[in-house]
mmCIF file of all heavy atoms, coordinates in Angstrom:
data_MODEL
# 
_entry.id   MODEL 
# 
loop_
_atom_site.group_PDB 
_atom_site.id 
_atom_site.type_symbol 
_atom_site.label_atom_id 
_atom_site.label_alt_id 
_atom_site.label_comp_id 
_atom_site.label_asym_id 
_atom_site.label_entity_id 
_atom_site.label_seq_id 
_atom_site.pdbx_PDB_ins_code 
_atom_site.Cartn_x 
_atom_site.Cartn_y 
_atom_site.Cartn_z 
_atom_site.occupancy 
_atom_site.B_iso_or_equiv 
_atom_site.pdbx_formal_charge 
_atom_site.auth_seq_id 
_atom_site.auth_comp_id 
_atom_site.auth_asym_id 
_atom_site.auth_atom_id 
_atom_site.pdbx_PDB_model_num 
ATOM 1   N N   . VAL A 1 1  ? 0.864  -1.179 0.018   1.00 0.00 ? 1  VAL A N   1 
ATOM 2   C CA  . VAL A 1 1  ? -0.030 0.005  0.007   1.00 0.00 ? 1  VAL A CA  1 
ATOM 3   C C   . VAL A 1 1  ? 0.857  1.229  -0.012  1.00 0.00 ? 1  VAL A C   1 
ATOM 4   O O   . VAL A 1 1  ? 1.887  1.313  0.737   1.00 0.00 ? 1  VAL A O   1 
ATOM 5   C CB  . VAL A 1 1  ? -0.910 -0.005 1.245   1.00 0.00 ? 1  VAL A CB  1 
ATOM 6   C CG1 . VAL A 1 1  ? -1.733 1.309  1.294   1.00 0.00 ? 1  VAL A CG1 1 
ATOM 7   C CG2 . VAL A 1 1  ? -1.820 -1.198 1.260   1.00 0.00 ? 1  VAL A CG2 1 
ATOM 8   N N   . THR A 1 2  ? 0.509  2.254  -0.794  1.00 0.00 ? 2  THR A N   1 
ATOM 9   C CA  . THR A 1 2  ? 1.167  3.509  -0.837  1.00 0.00 ? 2  THR A CA  1 
ATOM 10  C C   . THR A 1 2  ? 0.099  4.602  -0.576  1.00 0.00 ? 2  THR A C   1 
ATOM 11  O O   . THR A 1 2  ? -0.972 4.519  -1.194  1.00 0.00 ? 2  THR A O   1 
ATOM 12  C CB  . THR A 1 2  ? 1.841  3.793  -2.188  1.00 0.00 ? 2  THR A CB  1 
ATOM 13  O OG1 . THR A 1 2  ? 2.808  2.743  -2.407  1.00 0.00 ? 2  THR A OG1 1 
ATOM 14  C CG2 . THR A 1 2  ? 2.527  5.083  -2.222  1.00 0.00 ? 2  THR A CG2 1 
ATOM 15  N N   . VAL A 1 3  ? 0.338  5.549  0.312   1.00 0.00 ? 3  VAL A N   1 
ATOM 16  C CA  . VAL A 1 3  ? -0.564 6.613  0.580   1.00 0.00 ? 3  VAL A CA  1 
ATOM 17  C C   . VAL A 1 3  ? -0.048 7.834  -0.118  1.00 0.00 ? 3  VAL A C   1 
ATOM 18  O O   . VAL A 1 3  ? 1.101  8.241  0.049   1.00 0.00 ? 3  VAL A O   1 
ATOM 19  C CB  . VAL A 1 3  ? -0.690 6.882  2.097   1.00 0.00 ? 3  VAL A CB  1 
ATOM 20  C CG1 . VAL A 1 3  ? -1.659 8.026  2.347   1.00 0.00 ? 3  VAL A CG1 1 
ATOM 21  C CG2 . VAL A 1 3  ? -1.225 5.603  2.817   1.00 0.00 ? 3  VAL A CG2 1 
ATOM 22  N N   . VAL A 1 4  ? -0.881 8.446  -0.987  1.00 0.00 ? 4  VAL A N   1 
ATOM 23  C CA  . VAL A 1 4  ? -0.502 9.600  -1.754  1.00 0.00 ? 4  VAL A CA  1 
ATOM 24  C C   . VAL A 1 4  ? -1.579 10.697 -1.595  1.00 0.00 ? 4  VAL A C   1 
ATOM 25  O O   . VAL A 1 4  ? -2.738 10.420 -1.899  1.00 0.00 ? 4  VAL A O   1 
ATOM 26  C CB  . VAL A 1 4  ? -0.404 9.247  -3.276  1.00 0.00 ? 4  VAL A CB  1 
ATOM 27  C CG1 . VAL A 1 4  ? 0.003  10.485 -4.049  1.00 0.00 ? 4  VAL A CG1 1 
ATOM 28  C CG2 . VAL A 1 4  ? 0.579  8.119  -3.478  1.00 0.00 ? 4  VAL A CG2 1 
ATOM 29  N N   . PRO A 1 5  ? -1.251 11.862 -1.120  1.00 0.00 ? 5  PRO A N   1 
ATOM 30  C CA  . PRO A 1 5  ? -2.272 12.938 -1.051  1.00 0.00 ? 5  PRO A CA  1 
ATOM 31  C C   . PRO A 1 5  ? -2.824 13.250 -2.433  1.00 0.00 ? 5  PRO A C   1 
ATOM 32  O O   . PRO A 1 5  ? -2.049 13.226 -3.419  1.00 0.00 ? 5  PRO A O   1 
ATOM 33  C CB  . PRO A 1 5  ? -1.478 14.106 -0.437  1.00 0.00 ? 5  PRO A CB  1 
ATOM 34  C CG  . PRO A 1 5  ? -0.206 13.547 0.123   1.00 0.00 ? 5  PRO A CG  1 
ATOM 35  C CD  . PRO A 1 5  ? 0.084  12.306 -0.636  1.00 0.00 ? 5  PRO A CD  1 
ATOM 36  N N   . ALA A 1 6  ? -4.049 13.632 -2.548  1.00 0.00 ? 6  ALA A N   1 
ATOM 37  C CA  . ALA A 1 6  ? -4.649 13.888 -3.906  1.00 0.00 ? 6  ALA A CA  1 
ATOM 38  C C   . ALA A 1 6  ? -3.958 15.062 -4.582  1.00 0.00 ? 6  ALA A C   1 
ATOM 39  O O   . ALA A 1 6  ? -3.949 15.084 -5.774  1.00 0.00 ? 6  ALA A O   1 
ATOM 40  C CB  . ALA A 1 6  ? -6.132 14.205 -3.660  1.00 0.00 ? 6  ALA A CB  1 
ATOM 41  N N   . HIS A 1 7  ? -3.369 16.025 -3.815  1.00 0.00 ? 7  HIS A N   1 
ATOM 42  C CA  . HIS A 1 7  ? -2.759 17.168 -4.402  1.00 0.00 ? 7  HIS A CA  1 
ATOM 43  C C   . HIS A 1 7  ? -1.268 16.940 -4.869  1.00 0.00 ? 7  HIS A C   1 
ATOM 44  O O   . HIS A 1 7  ? -0.656 17.765 -5.482  1.00 0.00 ? 7  HIS A O   1 
ATOM 45  C CB  . HIS A 1 7  ? -2.804 18.383 -3.481  1.00 0.00 ? 7  HIS A CB  1 
ATOM 46  C CG  . HIS A 1 7  ? -1.987 18.208 -2.235  1.00 0.00 ? 7  HIS A CG  1 
ATOM 47  N ND1 . HIS A 1 7  ? -2.467 17.515 -1.136  1.00 0.00 ? 7  HIS A ND1 1 
ATOM 48  C CD2 . HIS A 1 7  ? -0.705 18.567 -1.931  1.00 0.00 ? 7  HIS A CD2 1 
ATOM 49  C CE1 . HIS A 1 7  ? -1.532 17.479 -0.227  1.00 0.00 ? 7  HIS A CE1 1 
ATOM 50  N NE2 . HIS A 1 7  ? -0.440 18.088 -0.657  1.00 0.00 ? 7  HIS A NE2 1 
ATOM 51  N N   . ALA A 1 8  ? -0.752 15.747 -4.475  1.00 0.00 ? 8  ALA A N   1 
ATOM 52  C CA  . ALA A 1 8  ? 0.645  15.450 -4.799  1.00 0.00 ? 8  ALA A CA  1 
ATOM 53  C C   . ALA A 1 8  ? 0.845  15.380 -6.338  1.00 0.00 ? 8  ALA A C   1 
ATOM 54  O O   . ALA A 1 8  ? -0.029 14.944 -7.029  1.00 0.00 ? 8  ALA A O   1 
ATOM 55  C CB  . ALA A 1 8  ? 1.045  14.078 -4.164  1.00 0.00 ? 8  ALA A CB  1 
ATOM 56  N N   . GLU A 1 9  ? 2.000  15.857 -6.730  1.00 0.00 ? 9  GLU A N   1 
ATOM 57  C CA  . GLU A 1 9  ? 2.334  15.750 -8.152  1.00 0.00 ? 9  GLU A CA  1 
ATOM 58  C C   . GLU A 1 9  ? 3.327  14.611 -8.331  1.00 0.00 ? 9  GLU A C   1 
ATOM 59  O O   . GLU A 1 9  ? 4.280  14.496 -7.610  1.00 0.00 ? 9  GLU A O   1 
ATOM 60  C CB  . GLU A 1 9  ? 2.940  17.064 -8.653  1.00 0.00 ? 9  GLU A CB  1 
ATOM 61  C CG  . GLU A 1 9  ? 1.917  18.212 -8.794  1.00 0.00 ? 9  GLU A CG  1 
ATOM 62  C CD  . GLU A 1 9  ? 2.478  19.366 -9.526  1.00 0.00 ? 9  GLU A CD  1 
ATOM 63  O OE1 . GLU A 1 9  ? 3.662  19.754 -9.336  1.00 0.00 ? 9  GLU A OE1 1 
ATOM 64  O OE2 . GLU A 1 9  ? 1.745  19.988 -10.294 1.00 0.00 ? 9  GLU A OE2 1 
ATOM 65  N N   . LEU A 1 10 ? 3.038  13.810 -9.352  1.00 0.00 ? 10 LEU A N   1 
ATOM 66  C CA  . LEU A 1 10 ? 3.817  12.584 -9.598  1.00 0.00 ? 10 LEU A CA  1 
ATOM 67  C C   . LEU A 1 10 ? 4.636  12.739 -10.873 1.00 0.00 ? 10 LEU A C   1 
ATOM 68  O O   . LEU A 1 10 ? 4.158  13.404 -11.793 1.00 0.00 ? 10 LEU A O   1 
ATOM 69  C CB  . LEU A 1 10 ? 2.922  11.374 -9.724  1.00 0.00 ? 10 LEU A CB  1 
ATOM 70  C CG  . LEU A 1 10 ? 1.891  11.137 -8.601  1.00 0.00 ? 10 LEU A CG  1 
ATOM 71  C CD1 . LEU A 1 10 ? 0.914  10.050 -8.947  1.00 0.00 ? 10 LEU A CD1 1 
ATOM 72  C CD2 . LEU A 1 10 ? 2.605  10.788 -7.312  1.00 0.00 ? 10 LEU A CD2 1 
ATOM 73  N N   . THR A 1 11 ? 5.790  12.086 -10.917 1.00 0.00 ? 11 THR A N   1 
ATOM 74  C CA  . THR A 1 11 ? 6.515  11.999 -12.159 1.00 0.00 ? 11 THR A CA  1 
ATOM 75  C C   . THR A 1 11 ? 5.862  10.919 -13.018 1.00 0.00 ? 11 THR A C   1 
ATOM 76  O O   . THR A 1 11 ? 5.019  10.140 -12.533 1.00 0.00 ? 11 THR A O   1 
ATOM 77  C CB  . THR A 1 11 ? 7.980  11.590 -11.898 1.00 0.00 ? 11 THR A CB  1 
ATOM 78  O OG1 . THR A 1 11 ? 7.960  10.236 -11.335 1.00 0.00 ? 11 THR A OG1 1 
ATOM 79  C CG2 . THR A 1 11 ? 8.633  12.536 -10.898 1.00 0.00 ? 11 THR A CG2 1 
ATOM 80  N N   . THR A 1 12 ? 6.254  10.843 -14.260 1.00 0.00 ? 12 THR A N   1 
ATOM 81  C CA  . THR A 1 12 ? 5.709  9.846  -15.155 1.00 0.00 ? 12 THR A CA  1 
ATOM 82  C C   . THR A 1 12 ? 6.116  8.462  -14.643 1.00 0.00 ? 12 THR A C   1 
ATOM 83  O O   . THR A 1 12 ? 5.340  7.500  -14.798 1.00 0.00 ? 12 THR A O   1 
ATOM 84  C CB  . THR A 1 12 ? 6.158  10.006 -16.599 1.00 0.00 ? 12 THR A CB  1 
ATOM 85  O OG1 . THR A 1 12 ? 7.581  10.170 -16.645 1.00 0.00 ? 12 THR A OG1 1 
ATOM 86  C CG2 . THR A 1 12 ? 5.516  11.275 -17.202 1.00 0.00 ? 12 THR A CG2 1 
ATOM 87  N N   . GLN A 1 13 ? 7.339  8.352  -14.066 1.00 0.00 ? 13 GLN A N   1 
ATOM 88  C CA  . GLN A 1 13 ? 7.768  7.035  -13.538 1.00 0.00 ? 13 GLN A CA  1 
ATOM 89  C C   . GLN A 1 13 ? 6.923  6.621  -12.344 1.00 0.00 ? 13 GLN A C   1 
ATOM 90  O O   . GLN A 1 13 ? 6.518  5.475  -12.240 1.00 0.00 ? 13 GLN A O   1 
ATOM 91  C CB  . GLN A 1 13 ? 9.219  7.085  -13.153 1.00 0.00 ? 13 GLN A CB  1 
ATOM 92  C CG  . GLN A 1 13 ? 9.777  5.752  -12.648 1.00 0.00 ? 13 GLN A CG  1 
ATOM 93  C CD  . GLN A 1 13 ? 9.698  4.649  -13.758 1.00 0.00 ? 13 GLN A CD  1 
ATOM 94  O OE1 . GLN A 1 13 ? 10.079 4.925  -14.867 1.00 0.00 ? 13 GLN A OE1 1 
ATOM 95  N NE2 . GLN A 1 13 ? 9.243  3.510  -13.367 1.00 0.00 ? 13 GLN A NE2 1 
ATOM 96  N N   . GLN A 1 14 ? 6.631  7.510  -11.455 1.00 0.00 ? 14 GLN A N   1 
ATOM 97  C CA  . GLN A 1 14 ? 5.752  7.221  -10.280 1.00 0.00 ? 14 GLN A CA  1 
ATOM 98  C C   . GLN A 1 14 ? 4.354  6.804  -10.780 1.00 0.00 ? 14 GLN A C   1 
ATOM 99  O O   . GLN A 1 14 ? 3.806  5.868  -10.242 1.00 0.00 ? 14 GLN A O   1 
ATOM 100 C CB  . GLN A 1 14 ? 5.693  8.415  -9.381  1.00 0.00 ? 14 GLN A CB  1 
ATOM 101 C CG  . GLN A 1 14 ? 7.014  8.700  -8.630  1.00 0.00 ? 14 GLN A CG  1 
ATOM 102 C CD  . GLN A 1 14 ? 7.039  10.015 -7.880  1.00 0.00 ? 14 GLN A CD  1 
ATOM 103 O OE1 . GLN A 1 14 ? 6.468  11.004 -8.375  1.00 0.00 ? 14 GLN A OE1 1 
ATOM 104 N NE2 . GLN A 1 14 ? 7.651  10.068 -6.717  1.00 0.00 ? 14 GLN A NE2 1 
ATOM 105 N N   . ALA A 1 15 ? 3.849  7.543  -11.731 1.00 0.00 ? 15 ALA A N   1 
ATOM 106 C CA  . ALA A 1 15 ? 2.537  7.214  -12.279 1.00 0.00 ? 15 ALA A CA  1 
ATOM 107 C C   . ALA A 1 15 ? 2.541  5.836  -12.875 1.00 0.00 ? 15 ALA A C   1 
ATOM 108 O O   . ALA A 1 15 ? 1.579  5.049  -12.709 1.00 0.00 ? 15 ALA A O   1 
ATOM 109 C CB  . ALA A 1 15 ? 2.090  8.319  -13.249 1.00 0.00 ? 15 ALA A CB  1 
ATOM 110 N N   . ALA A 1 16 ? 3.547  5.548  -13.629 1.00 0.00 ? 16 ALA A N   1 
ATOM 111 C CA  . ALA A 1 16 ? 3.637  4.207  -14.260 1.00 0.00 ? 16 ALA A CA  1 
ATOM 112 C C   . ALA A 1 16 ? 3.699  3.122  -13.170 1.00 0.00 ? 16 ALA A C   1 
ATOM 113 O O   . ALA A 1 16 ? 2.995  2.071  -13.343 1.00 0.00 ? 16 ALA A O   1 
ATOM 114 C CB  . ALA A 1 16 ? 4.922  4.134  -15.110 1.00 0.00 ? 16 ALA A CB  1 
ATOM 115 N N   . GLN A 1 17 ? 4.422  3.293  -12.128 1.00 0.00 ? 17 GLN A N   1 
ATOM 116 C CA  . GLN A 1 17 ? 4.446  2.371  -11.032 1.00 0.00 ? 17 GLN A CA  1 
ATOM 117 C C   . GLN A 1 17 ? 3.066  2.169  -10.387 1.00 0.00 ? 17 GLN A C   1 
ATOM 118 O O   . GLN A 1 17 ? 2.657  1.032  -10.087 1.00 0.00 ? 17 GLN A O   1 
ATOM 119 C CB  . GLN A 1 17 ? 5.512  2.735  -9.987  1.00 0.00 ? 17 GLN A CB  1 
ATOM 120 C CG  . GLN A 1 17 ? 6.900  2.597  -10.482 1.00 0.00 ? 17 GLN A CG  1 
ATOM 121 C CD  . GLN A 1 17 ? 7.973  3.199  -9.576  1.00 0.00 ? 17 GLN A CD  1 
ATOM 122 O OE1 . GLN A 1 17 ? 7.676  4.065  -8.779  1.00 0.00 ? 17 GLN A OE1 1 
ATOM 123 N NE2 . GLN A 1 17 ? 9.211  2.684  -9.691  1.00 0.00 ? 17 GLN A NE2 1 
ATOM 124 N N   . MET A 1 18 ? 2.357  3.241  -10.165 1.00 0.00 ? 18 MET A N   1 
ATOM 125 C CA  . MET A 1 18 ? 1.058  3.169  -9.575  1.00 0.00 ? 18 MET A CA  1 
ATOM 126 C C   . MET A 1 18 ? 0.042  2.429  -10.465 1.00 0.00 ? 18 MET A C   1 
ATOM 127 O O   . MET A 1 18 ? -0.822 1.727  -9.982  1.00 0.00 ? 18 MET A O   1 
ATOM 128 C CB  . MET A 1 18 ? 0.522  4.553  -9.235  1.00 0.00 ? 18 MET A CB  1 
ATOM 129 C CG  . MET A 1 18 ? 1.201  5.153  -8.017  1.00 0.00 ? 18 MET A CG  1 
ATOM 130 S SD  . MET A 1 18 ? 0.507  6.755  -7.531  1.00 0.00 ? 18 MET A SD  1 
ATOM 131 C CE  . MET A 1 18 ? -1.097 6.304  -6.944  1.00 0.00 ? 18 MET A CE  1 
ATOM 132 N N   . LEU A 1 19 ? 0.193  2.633  -11.761 1.00 0.00 ? 19 LEU A N   1 
ATOM 133 C CA  . LEU A 1 19 ? -0.758 1.956  -12.732 1.00 0.00 ? 19 LEU A CA  1 
ATOM 134 C C   . LEU A 1 19 ? -0.233 0.576  -13.139 1.00 0.00 ? 19 LEU A C   1 
ATOM 135 O O   . LEU A 1 19 ? -0.943 -0.153 -13.797 1.00 0.00 ? 19 LEU A O   1 
ATOM 136 C CB  . LEU A 1 19 ? -0.908 2.811  -14.011 1.00 0.00 ? 19 LEU A CB  1 
ATOM 137 C CG  . LEU A 1 19 ? -1.619 4.169  -13.841 1.00 0.00 ? 19 LEU A CG  1 
ATOM 138 C CD1 . LEU A 1 19 ? -1.606 4.933  -15.174 1.00 0.00 ? 19 LEU A CD1 1 
ATOM 139 C CD2 . LEU A 1 19 ? -3.056 3.998  -13.290 1.00 0.00 ? 19 LEU A CD2 1 
ATOM 140 N N   . ASN A 1 20 ? 1.038  0.287  -12.728 1.00 0.00 ? 20 ASN A N   1 
ATOM 141 C CA  . ASN A 1 20 ? 1.601  -0.960 -13.118 1.00 0.00 ? 20 ASN A CA  1 
ATOM 142 C C   . ASN A 1 20 ? 1.734  -1.138 -14.598 1.00 0.00 ? 20 ASN A C   1 
ATOM 143 O O   . ASN A 1 20 ? 1.388  -2.188 -15.217 1.00 0.00 ? 20 ASN A O   1 
ATOM 144 C CB  . ASN A 1 20 ? 0.861  -2.118 -12.495 1.00 0.00 ? 20 ASN A CB  1 
ATOM 145 C CG  . ASN A 1 20 ? 1.670  -3.431 -12.445 1.00 0.00 ? 20 ASN A CG  1 
ATOM 146 O OD1 . ASN A 1 20 ? 2.876  -3.380 -12.400 1.00 0.00 ? 20 ASN A OD1 1 
ATOM 147 N ND2 . ASN A 1 20 ? 1.030  -4.589 -12.452 1.00 0.00 ? 20 ASN A ND2 1 
ATOM 148 N N   . VAL A 1 21 ? 2.167  -0.050 -15.278 1.00 0.00 ? 21 VAL A N   1 
ATOM 149 C CA  . VAL A 1 21 ? 2.396  -0.049 -16.693 1.00 0.00 ? 21 VAL A CA  1 
ATOM 150 C C   . VAL A 1 21 ? 3.807  0.599  -16.949 1.00 0.00 ? 21 VAL A C   1 
ATOM 151 O O   . VAL A 1 21 ? 4.419  1.076  -16.002 1.00 0.00 ? 21 VAL A O   1 
ATOM 152 C CB  . VAL A 1 21 ? 1.342  0.739  -17.446 1.00 0.00 ? 21 VAL A CB  1 
ATOM 153 C CG1 . VAL A 1 21 ? -0.056 0.125  -17.256 1.00 0.00 ? 21 VAL A CG1 1 
ATOM 154 C CG2 . VAL A 1 21 ? 1.314  2.218  -17.026 1.00 0.00 ? 21 VAL A CG2 1 
ATOM 155 N N   . SER A 1 22 ? 4.229  0.604  -18.167 1.00 0.00 ? 22 SER A N   1 
ATOM 156 C CA  . SER A 1 22 ? 5.505  1.237  -18.489 1.00 0.00 ? 22 SER A CA  1 
ATOM 157 C C   . SER A 1 22 ? 5.438  2.764  -18.534 1.00 0.00 ? 22 SER A C   1 
ATOM 158 O O   . SER A 1 22 ? 4.328  3.282  -18.750 1.00 0.00 ? 22 SER A O   1 
ATOM 159 C CB  . SER A 1 22 ? 6.012  0.682  -19.872 1.00 0.00 ? 22 SER A CB  1 
ATOM 160 O OG  . SER A 1 22 ? 5.202  1.226  -20.872 1.00 0.00 ? 22 SER A OG  1 
ATOM 161 N N   . ARG A 1 23 ? 6.509  3.376  -18.346 1.00 0.00 ? 23 ARG A N   1 
ATOM 162 C CA  . ARG A 1 23 ? 6.613  4.846  -18.440 1.00 0.00 ? 23 ARG A CA  1 
ATOM 163 C C   . ARG A 1 23 ? 6.207  5.355  -19.833 1.00 0.00 ? 23 ARG A C   1 
ATOM 164 O O   . ARG A 1 23 ? 5.400  6.298  -19.935 1.00 0.00 ? 23 ARG A O   1 
ATOM 165 C CB  . ARG A 1 23 ? 8.005  5.354  -18.006 1.00 0.00 ? 23 ARG A CB  1 
ATOM 166 C CG  . ARG A 1 23 ? 8.098  6.823  -17.938 1.00 0.00 ? 23 ARG A CG  1 
ATOM 167 C CD  . ARG A 1 23 ? 9.545  7.223  -17.457 1.00 0.00 ? 23 ARG A CD  1 
ATOM 168 N NE  . ARG A 1 23 ? 9.876  8.535  -17.894 1.00 0.00 ? 23 ARG A NE  1 
ATOM 169 C CZ  . ARG A 1 23 ? 10.300 8.860  -19.081 1.00 0.00 ? 23 ARG A CZ  1 
ATOM 170 N NH1 . ARG A 1 23 ? 10.482 7.921  -20.005 1.00 0.00 ? 23 ARG A NH1 1 
ATOM 171 N NH2 . ARG A 1 23 ? 10.546 10.118 -19.399 1.00 0.00 ? 23 ARG A NH2 1 
ATOM 172 N N   . PRO A 1 24 ? 6.742  4.718  -20.921 1.00 0.00 ? 24 PRO A N   1 
ATOM 173 C CA  . PRO A 1 24 ? 6.266  5.124  -22.256 1.00 0.00 ? 24 PRO A CA  1 
ATOM 174 C C   . PRO A 1 24 ? 4.757  5.040  -22.430 1.00 0.00 ? 24 PRO A C   1 
ATOM 175 O O   . PRO A 1 24 ? 4.141  5.891  -23.120 1.00 0.00 ? 24 PRO A O   1 
ATOM 176 C CB  . PRO A 1 24 ? 7.025  4.210  -23.194 1.00 0.00 ? 24 PRO A CB  1 
ATOM 177 C CG  . PRO A 1 24 ? 8.195  3.802  -22.432 1.00 0.00 ? 24 PRO A CG  1 
ATOM 178 C CD  . PRO A 1 24 ? 7.801  3.677  -21.010 1.00 0.00 ? 24 PRO A CD  1 
ATOM 179 N N   . HIS A 1 25 ? 4.106  4.058  -21.836 1.00 0.00 ? 25 HIS A N   1 
ATOM 180 C CA  . HIS A 1 25 ? 2.655  3.943  -21.931 1.00 0.00 ? 25 HIS A CA  1 
ATOM 181 C C   . HIS A 1 25 ? 1.962  5.126  -21.210 1.00 0.00 ? 25 HIS A C   1 
ATOM 182 O O   . HIS A 1 25 ? 1.024  5.643  -21.746 1.00 0.00 ? 25 HIS A O   1 
ATOM 183 C CB  . HIS A 1 25 ? 2.179  2.600  -21.323 1.00 0.00 ? 25 HIS A CB  1 
ATOM 184 C CG  . HIS A 1 25 ? 0.692  2.386  -21.487 1.00 0.00 ? 25 HIS A CG  1 
ATOM 185 N ND1 . HIS A 1 25 ? 0.121  2.177  -22.701 1.00 0.00 ? 25 HIS A ND1 1 
ATOM 186 C CD2 . HIS A 1 25 ? -0.258 2.442  -20.548 1.00 0.00 ? 25 HIS A CD2 1 
ATOM 187 C CE1 . HIS A 1 25 ? -1.163 2.022  -22.507 1.00 0.00 ? 25 HIS A CE1 1 
ATOM 188 N NE2 . HIS A 1 25 ? -1.467 2.207  -21.246 1.00 0.00 ? 25 HIS A NE2 1 
ATOM 189 N N   . VAL A 1 26 ? 2.502  5.512  -20.049 1.00 0.00 ? 26 VAL A N   1 
ATOM 190 C CA  . VAL A 1 26 ? 1.922  6.651  -19.388 1.00 0.00 ? 26 VAL A CA  1 
ATOM 191 C C   . VAL A 1 26 ? 2.093  7.910  -20.225 1.00 0.00 ? 26 VAL A C   1 
ATOM 192 O O   . VAL A 1 26 ? 1.115  8.667  -20.356 1.00 0.00 ? 26 VAL A O   1 
ATOM 193 C CB  . VAL A 1 26 ? 2.607  6.899  -17.995 1.00 0.00 ? 26 VAL A CB  1 
ATOM 194 C CG1 . VAL A 1 26 ? 2.248  8.203  -17.395 1.00 0.00 ? 26 VAL A CG1 1 
ATOM 195 C CG2 . VAL A 1 26 ? 2.242  5.751  -17.054 1.00 0.00 ? 26 VAL A CG2 1 
ATOM 196 N N   . ILE A 1 27 ? 3.254  8.087  -20.812 1.00 0.00 ? 27 ILE A N   1 
ATOM 197 C CA  . ILE A 1 27 ? 3.450  9.270  -21.733 1.00 0.00 ? 27 ILE A CA  1 
ATOM 198 C C   . ILE A 1 27 ? 2.485  9.263  -22.879 1.00 0.00 ? 27 ILE A C   1 
ATOM 199 O O   . ILE A 1 27 ? 1.897  10.299 -23.225 1.00 0.00 ? 27 ILE A O   1 
ATOM 200 C CB  . ILE A 1 27 ? 4.883  9.286  -22.178 1.00 0.00 ? 27 ILE A CB  1 
ATOM 201 C CG1 . ILE A 1 27 ? 5.823  9.596  -20.982 1.00 0.00 ? 27 ILE A CG1 1 
ATOM 202 C CG2 . ILE A 1 27 ? 5.163  10.361 -23.291 1.00 0.00 ? 27 ILE A CG2 1 
ATOM 203 C CD1 . ILE A 1 27 ? 7.293  9.464  -21.212 1.00 0.00 ? 27 ILE A CD1 1 
ATOM 204 N N   . LYS A 1 28 ? 2.208  8.080  -23.427 1.00 0.00 ? 28 LYS A N   1 
ATOM 205 C CA  . LYS A 1 28 ? 1.234  7.954  -24.507 1.00 0.00 ? 28 LYS A CA  1 
ATOM 206 C C   . LYS A 1 28 ? -0.172 8.396  -24.049 1.00 0.00 ? 28 LYS A C   1 
ATOM 207 O O   . LYS A 1 28 ? -0.865 9.155  -24.745 1.00 0.00 ? 28 LYS A O   1 
ATOM 208 C CB  . LYS A 1 28 ? 1.252  6.498  -25.012 1.00 0.00 ? 28 LYS A CB  1 
ATOM 209 C CG  . LYS A 1 28 ? 0.187  6.244  -26.110 1.00 0.00 ? 28 LYS A CG  1 
ATOM 210 C CD  . LYS A 1 28 ? 0.286  4.773  -26.527 1.00 0.00 ? 28 LYS A CD  1 
ATOM 211 C CE  . LYS A 1 28 ? -0.931 4.453  -27.353 1.00 0.00 ? 28 LYS A CE  1 
ATOM 212 N NZ  . LYS A 1 28 ? -1.534 3.140  -27.069 1.00 0.00 ? 28 LYS A NZ  1 
# 
């Protein structure tokens, strides 16, 4: 489990990890 405040800004790498997808997919 990871707790992230709704106002936090994420990098594309962090977003990819949260979605369990690749960074290029997030960029797409």
